[in-house]
Structures are given as C-alpha cells and as structure tokens.
Amino acid sequence: MKFLFDRDTRRRWFDVIMSGATLLCVALALLPLGSILFEALVRGAPALTPTFLTQSSLMGGIANAIQGTVILIGLTALVALPVGILTGIYLSEYGKHRLGGIVRLFVDVMTQTPSIVVGIFAYSFIFELSLLGFFPPPLVFSVISAVIALATIMIPIVARTSEEALRLVPTSAREAALALGIPRYRTILRVVLPSCASALVTGALLGIARVGGETAPLIMTAAWNNDFFNGLDQPIAALPTQVYRFAVGPSLAENRAAWGASLILVLLMLSISIASRAVIRLRAVRR
C-alpha cells in the first residue's frame, strides 16, 4: 500500500492525469473547428457543380466572386505585408523608447477595432477625398476602397505577430553578427529575418485569413458586381459578400449555394496556408 503512494508513483500518476487533461483540452479546441469543416463539407459539397464554379453570380455561380477574393487578398497582402513587417521590425529592433510604446499601443488598439468601423472609415475617407476633388466619386465603391479597408485591418495583425516573431530570435545571434562588423540593417535582413521566417509566414497567414473572410468592410467599400473584374475603380464581387447574399436569399437553392461558397472560401484559405508552408519548408531544405 505504501508502494502505491510513494513519491515516484504520485509523480507518474500526476503526469498521466495532466497528459490526459492536455489531450482533452486539445480535443475541445479542435471540436468547433472540426464541426465547422464537417458542416461546410456536408452542406456545401452538393452545390459544387461545374456550372456553379465557372459561371458568374449573374448566372447563379461564384466564379467572379472567387476571382474577386483572390484579387482583393493579393492586393491587400501586397500593401499590408511590407508595411506590417516593417512596423514589426521597428517595434522589435528600434522601438525601445516612448515613441515605440505609443506605436505599439496604437497597433494594439487597431487590432481590436471592429471591422465594420474600419469599413465606415474607408468609405468616409474616400468619400471626403472625392468631395475635395482628389478622387472621382465612383471610387467610393471600388477595389481600391476595399483594399484600403482590408489593409487597415491586416497591418496591425501582421505588425504584432512580426514583432513577436522577431523577439524569438536570440539576442546572441544579433550580437554575433554585429561583432563581426556587419551593419545593423544587414544583421536584420541576413540574420534576424531568416531565423524567424516561419513565424513571419504564420503571422502573414493570420492576417490573410482575417481579411479573407471579412464581410462588413466589403459591403461598405467593394459593394457588389455581378460581372468579373472590370478595373480597380469599379465594384467587385467577393466570396464573403456572395455567401451573405446567398444566405439571406429566400430560396433553398440560394441557401445551399451559400454553403458551397463557404466551402470554397475555407478551401481557398487552406490552399494558401499549405502553399506558404511548402515554400518555407522547401527553402529550409535547400539551405
């Protein structure tokens, strides 16, 4: 009896209990995600027909919405990723003073700002500039307006995740490069950034996933277009707004199409994540 309750046995039982609790928490965390994926697959797969995927929304398809989503994500990433990563570099490497703290606070506040507020901001910003004569009035509902809104959401997320990723690099790595006479900017470019490339990609993917599913800012800025891409100064269709339009439709066919568009959106985000991870892993293997 004493053997069953000695110190070593208690430690083993405690390890087993904590391991089981950890696995249970992981299962509870994955349960909502698995439920969403399963529901989208079961309800959305029947709607995925060749016609649905190749025709525009004018004909009941989502081809133009897929094209619009890819364009919006690409342009937003082109604008937001450099700005967000450079902001993260500043906060991590140079923002040790009061100004850095102010910038960090501003970034944190922007991260928590509701997306509908960002949409109203982008709409009002373009609208006021159009009243002053800087932009033509049709630009209020356009690809440019939507990219401004989505980039405003994405930049703070990328900035904060980039800062945390850069802080994971040991200080000794920076000191070793500086001791060899390498300038600080080259140390950041050649030593620090490659050391946390995987974490930077994770932050970029978080930002892309956030803006890829946003609906409220697009309603306020991108409006709607039943046709394919017509230019940066024209409204554009997107999968989130397409899902919304189908979901509030009165017919069961539209509701089923909403699940199909949702499934395509999930698969698109998953494809971007897998492709980015594959590129990072391939570069690591080559090195």
Protein backbone atom coordinates (compact mmCIF):
# COMPACT_ATOMS: atom_id res chain seq x y z
CA MET A 1 0.00 0.00 0.00
CA LYS A 2 2.88 2.30 0.80
CA PHE A 3 4.39 1.47 -2.61
CA LEU A 4 1.26 2.70 -4.37
CA PHE A 5 1.54 6.15 -2.80
CA ASP A 6 5.26 6.81 -2.76
CA ARG A 7 6.69 9.92 -4.39
CA ASP A 8 7.65 8.31 -7.72
CA THR A 9 4.21 6.74 -8.17
CA ARG A 10 2.46 10.01 -7.42
CA ARG A 11 4.61 11.78 -9.95
CA ARG A 12 3.76 9.19 -12.63
CA TRP A 13 0.06 9.38 -11.93
CA PHE A 14 0.18 13.17 -11.97
CA ASP A 15 1.97 13.04 -15.35
CA VAL A 16 -0.67 10.68 -16.75
CA ILE A 17 -3.53 12.86 -15.47
CA MET A 18 -2.03 16.07 -16.84
CA SER A 19 -1.30 14.42 -20.21
CA GLY A 20 -4.89 13.24 -20.40
CA ALA A 21 -6.19 16.70 -19.46
CA THR A 22 -3.98 18.26 -22.15
CA LEU A 23 -5.30 15.91 -24.80
CA LEU A 24 -8.85 16.61 -23.66
CA CYS A 25 -8.29 20.38 -23.98
CA VAL A 26 -6.84 19.89 -27.48
CA ALA A 27 -9.89 17.83 -28.47
CA LEU A 28 -12.23 20.51 -27.08
CA ALA A 29 -10.34 23.19 -29.02
CA LEU A 30 -10.48 21.21 -32.26
CA LEU A 31 -14.13 20.25 -31.87
CA PRO A 32 -15.60 23.60 -33.05
CA LEU A 33 -13.18 23.74 -35.99
CA GLY A 34 -13.95 20.16 -36.97
CA SER A 35 -17.66 20.80 -36.66
CA ILE A 36 -17.47 23.84 -38.94
CA LEU A 37 -15.42 21.99 -41.54
CA PHE A 38 -17.72 18.96 -41.41
CA GLU A 39 -20.86 21.09 -41.70
CA ALA A 40 -19.44 23.10 -44.60
CA LEU A 41 -18.34 19.92 -46.38
CA VAL A 42 -21.63 18.07 -45.92
CA ARG A 43 -23.85 21.01 -46.83
CA GLY A 44 -21.61 22.66 -49.40
CA ALA A 45 -20.27 19.71 -51.41
CA PRO A 46 -23.59 19.02 -53.22
CA ALA A 47 -23.60 22.61 -54.51
CA LEU A 48 -20.15 22.35 -56.11
CA THR A 49 -21.05 21.69 -59.71
CA PRO A 50 -19.01 22.77 -62.77
CA THR A 51 -21.64 25.39 -63.59
CA PHE A 52 -21.57 26.77 -60.07
CA LEU A 53 -17.79 27.14 -60.15
CA THR A 54 -17.39 28.54 -63.67
CA GLN A 55 -20.30 30.96 -64.10
CA SER A 56 -20.70 34.44 -62.67
CA SER A 57 -23.21 35.33 -59.98
CA LEU A 58 -25.48 36.71 -62.67
CA MET A 59 -25.97 33.08 -63.75
CA GLY A 60 -26.07 31.70 -60.21
CA GLY A 61 -22.37 30.84 -59.94
CA ILE A 62 -19.44 32.12 -57.89
CA ALA A 63 -16.62 32.32 -60.45
CA ASN A 64 -16.50 36.11 -60.32
CA ALA A 65 -16.58 36.01 -56.50
CA ILE A 66 -13.61 33.62 -56.45
CA GLN A 67 -11.72 35.89 -58.82
CA GLY A 68 -12.60 38.95 -56.74
CA THR A 69 -11.48 37.31 -53.49
CA VAL A 70 -8.12 36.32 -54.96
CA ILE A 71 -7.61 39.86 -56.33
CA LEU A 72 -8.55 41.51 -53.04
CA ILE A 73 -6.35 39.19 -50.97
CA GLY A 74 -3.42 39.63 -53.35
CA LEU A 75 -3.62 43.43 -53.47
CA THR A 76 -4.20 43.70 -49.72
CA ALA A 77 -1.21 41.44 -49.00
CA LEU A 78 0.90 43.48 -51.42
CA VAL A 79 0.10 46.63 -49.44
CA ALA A 80 -0.19 45.33 -45.88
CA LEU A 81 2.60 42.76 -45.57
CA PRO A 82 5.55 45.12 -46.24
CA VAL A 83 4.07 47.83 -44.01
CA GLY A 84 3.19 45.38 -41.24
CA ILE A 85 6.55 43.58 -41.27
CA LEU A 86 8.49 46.87 -41.32
CA THR A 87 6.39 48.09 -38.39
CA GLY A 88 7.16 44.85 -36.54
CA ILE A 89 10.88 45.33 -37.24
CA TYR A 90 10.71 48.86 -35.87
CA LEU A 91 8.89 47.78 -32.70
CA SER A 92 11.24 44.86 -32.07
CA GLU A 93 14.60 46.33 -33.05
CA TYR A 94 14.24 50.09 -32.58
CA GLY A 95 11.08 50.73 -30.55
CA LYS A 96 12.67 50.63 -27.09
CA HIS A 97 11.72 54.22 -26.25
CA ARG A 98 8.49 56.12 -25.61
CA LEU A 99 7.64 56.56 -29.29
CA GLY A 100 7.83 52.78 -29.74
CA GLY A 101 5.43 52.32 -26.84
CA ILE A 102 2.98 54.77 -28.40
CA VAL A 103 3.17 52.97 -31.75
CA ARG A 104 2.68 49.62 -30.01
CA LEU A 105 -0.38 50.92 -28.16
CA PHE A 106 -1.82 52.31 -31.38
CA VAL A 107 -1.26 48.97 -33.12
CA ASP A 108 -2.96 47.10 -30.27
CA VAL A 109 -5.97 49.41 -30.42
CA MET A 110 -6.22 48.99 -34.19
CA THR A 111 -6.07 45.21 -33.82
CA GLN A 112 -9.18 45.26 -31.64
CA THR A 113 -11.16 47.74 -33.76
CA PRO A 114 -14.40 46.21 -35.15
CA SER A 115 -14.22 45.58 -38.87
CA ILE A 116 -17.45 47.49 -39.56
CA VAL A 117 -15.80 50.61 -38.09
CA VAL A 118 -12.86 50.11 -40.45
CA GLY A 119 -15.29 49.80 -43.35
CA ILE A 120 -17.02 53.04 -42.39
CA PHE A 121 -13.61 54.72 -42.07
CA ALA A 122 -12.52 53.63 -45.56
CA TYR A 123 -15.86 54.67 -47.05
CA SER A 124 -15.76 58.08 -45.35
CA PHE A 125 -12.08 58.60 -46.22
CA ILE A 126 -12.59 58.01 -49.94
CA PHE A 127 -15.88 59.90 -49.92
CA GLU A 128 -14.37 63.01 -48.32
CA LEU A 129 -11.42 62.95 -50.73
CA SER A 130 -13.83 62.64 -53.65
CA LEU A 131 -15.74 65.69 -52.38
CA LEU A 132 -12.45 67.61 -52.31
CA GLY A 133 -11.75 66.59 -55.88
CA PHE A 134 -8.85 64.21 -55.23
CA PHE A 135 -10.75 61.14 -56.44
CA PRO A 136 -13.73 60.64 -58.73
CA PRO A 137 -16.98 59.83 -56.85
CA PRO A 138 -17.32 56.25 -58.26
CA LEU A 139 -14.10 55.34 -56.42
CA VAL A 140 -16.08 55.21 -53.16
CA PHE A 141 -17.31 51.72 -54.11
CA SER A 142 -14.31 50.14 -55.78
CA VAL A 143 -11.43 47.70 -55.43
CA ILE A 144 -9.16 50.49 -54.19
CA SER A 145 -11.58 51.40 -51.41
CA ALA A 146 -11.90 47.73 -50.39
CA VAL A 147 -8.12 47.27 -50.33
CA ILE A 148 -7.74 50.33 -48.08
CA ALA A 149 -10.26 48.85 -45.63
CA LEU A 150 -8.76 45.36 -45.64
CA ALA A 151 -5.19 46.66 -45.38
CA THR A 152 -6.22 48.74 -42.36
CA ILE A 153 -7.37 45.52 -40.70
CA MET A 154 -4.38 43.44 -41.77
CA ILE A 155 -1.46 45.77 -41.00
CA PRO A 156 -1.84 45.76 -37.16
CA ILE A 157 -2.15 41.95 -37.09
CA VAL A 158 0.98 41.47 -39.19
CA ALA A 159 2.85 44.12 -37.19
CA ARG A 160 2.18 42.48 -33.82
CA THR A 161 2.86 38.94 -34.99
CA SER A 162 6.05 40.11 -36.73
CA GLU A 163 7.24 41.82 -33.56
CA GLU A 164 6.67 38.67 -31.51
CA ALA A 165 8.39 36.54 -34.18
CA LEU A 166 11.46 38.79 -34.21
CA ARG A 167 11.69 38.67 -30.44
CA LEU A 168 12.03 34.88 -30.65
CA VAL A 169 15.45 35.29 -32.27
CA PRO A 170 18.13 35.12 -29.53
CA THR A 171 19.97 38.34 -28.77
CA SER A 172 23.23 36.41 -29.06
CA ALA A 173 22.60 35.94 -32.79
CA ARG A 174 22.36 39.69 -33.28
CA GLU A 175 25.42 40.33 -31.11
CA ALA A 176 27.47 37.75 -33.01
CA ALA A 177 26.67 39.37 -36.35
CA LEU A 178 27.39 42.86 -35.01
CA ALA A 179 30.67 41.66 -33.51
CA LEU A 180 31.77 40.58 -36.99
CA GLY A 181 31.31 44.14 -38.20
CA ILE A 182 28.04 43.58 -40.04
CA PRO A 183 25.85 46.71 -40.08
CA ARG A 184 22.67 46.56 -38.08
CA TYR A 185 20.35 46.73 -41.08
CA ARG A 186 22.20 43.83 -42.75
CA THR A 187 22.06 41.89 -39.50
CA ILE A 188 18.27 42.26 -39.50
CA LEU A 189 17.97 41.32 -43.18
CA ARG A 190 20.51 38.47 -43.24
CA VAL A 191 20.32 37.01 -39.74
CA VAL A 192 17.18 38.00 -37.86
CA LEU A 193 14.54 37.75 -40.59
CA PRO A 194 15.68 34.36 -42.00
CA SER A 195 15.79 32.95 -38.46
CA CYS A 196 12.10 33.68 -37.90
CA ALA A 197 10.82 33.26 -41.46
CA SER A 198 8.39 30.52 -40.47
CA ALA A 199 6.87 32.66 -37.71
CA LEU A 200 6.61 35.62 -40.08
CA VAL A 201 4.73 33.45 -42.57
CA THR A 202 2.40 32.34 -39.78
CA GLY A 203 1.66 35.97 -38.94
CA ALA A 204 1.06 36.77 -42.60
CA LEU A 205 -1.33 33.85 -42.88
CA LEU A 206 -3.22 35.02 -39.81
CA GLY A 207 -3.65 38.41 -41.41
CA ILE A 208 -4.74 36.92 -44.73
CA ALA A 209 -7.19 34.58 -43.01
CA ARG A 210 -8.64 37.53 -41.09
CA VAL A 211 -9.27 39.71 -44.12
CA GLY A 212 -10.19 36.80 -46.39
CA GLY A 213 -13.43 36.22 -44.52
CA GLU A 214 -14.41 39.81 -43.74
CA THR A 215 -17.85 40.82 -44.99
CA ALA A 216 -18.80 44.11 -43.31
CA PRO A 217 -15.93 46.21 -44.76
CA LEU A 218 -16.61 44.85 -48.25
CA ILE A 219 -20.28 45.76 -48.05
CA MET A 220 -19.23 49.33 -47.22
CA THR A 221 -16.46 49.59 -49.85
CA ALA A 222 -16.46 46.93 -52.57
CA ALA A 223 -20.26 46.94 -52.93
CA TRP A 224 -21.27 44.30 -55.47
CA ASN A 225 -20.63 43.38 -59.09
CA ASN A 226 -22.35 40.55 -60.92
CA ASP A 227 -19.63 40.58 -63.55
CA PHE A 228 -15.94 39.72 -63.45
CA PHE A 229 -13.13 42.17 -62.63
CA ASN A 230 -13.60 45.44 -64.52
CA GLY A 231 -10.83 47.59 -63.05
CA LEU A 232 -9.50 48.97 -59.80
CA ASP A 233 -12.00 51.82 -59.85
CA GLN A 234 -15.04 49.54 -60.15
CA PRO A 235 -17.03 47.48 -57.59
CA ILE A 236 -16.02 43.86 -57.26
CA ALA A 237 -17.58 40.62 -56.08
CA ALA A 238 -16.07 38.54 -53.26
CA LEU A 239 -16.84 35.22 -51.63
CA PRO A 240 -17.79 36.66 -48.19
CA THR A 241 -20.35 39.02 -49.69
CA GLN A 242 -21.53 36.25 -52.02
CA VAL A 243 -22.12 34.00 -49.01
CA TYR A 244 -24.08 36.78 -47.33
CA ARG A 245 -26.26 37.40 -50.39
CA PHE A 246 -26.97 33.70 -50.81
CA ALA A 247 -27.58 33.14 -47.08
CA VAL A 248 -30.27 35.85 -46.84
CA GLY A 249 -31.92 34.69 -50.06
CA PRO A 250 -35.47 33.36 -49.84
CA SER A 251 -34.93 30.08 -51.72
CA LEU A 252 -33.40 26.83 -50.54
CA ALA A 253 -31.19 26.76 -53.64
CA GLU A 254 -29.58 30.05 -52.60
CA ASN A 255 -29.07 28.79 -49.06
CA ARG A 256 -27.40 25.66 -50.41
CA ALA A 257 -25.24 27.83 -52.66
CA ALA A 258 -24.17 29.82 -49.57
CA TRP A 259 -22.75 26.64 -48.05
CA GLY A 260 -20.98 25.86 -51.31
CA ALA A 261 -19.38 29.31 -51.42
CA SER A 262 -18.41 28.94 -47.75
CA LEU A 263 -16.69 25.65 -48.50
CA ILE A 264 -14.77 27.22 -51.39
CA LEU A 265 -13.67 30.07 -49.13
CA VAL A 266 -12.40 27.61 -46.50
CA LEU A 267 -10.57 25.58 -49.15
CA LEU A 268 -9.02 28.75 -50.58
CA MET A 269 -7.63 29.78 -47.19
CA LEU A 270 -6.38 26.24 -46.61
CA SER A 271 -4.65 26.19 -50.00
CA ILE A 272 -2.87 29.47 -49.29
CA SER A 273 -1.68 28.13 -45.93
CA ILE A 274 -0.42 24.84 -47.37
CA ALA A 275 1.35 26.56 -50.28
CA SER A 276 3.10 29.03 -47.97
CA ARG A 277 4.23 26.28 -45.62
CA ALA A 278 5.52 24.23 -48.54
CA VAL A 279 7.57 27.15 -49.86
CA ILE A 280 9.12 27.81 -46.42
CA ARG A 281 9.96 24.14 -45.95
CA LEU A 282 11.47 23.90 -49.42
CA ARG A 283 13.70 26.90 -48.77
CA ALA A 284 14.79 25.40 -45.44
CA VAL A 285 15.71 22.12 -47.13
CA ARG A 286 17.72 23.91 -49.81
CA ARG A 287 19.70 25.76 -47.16
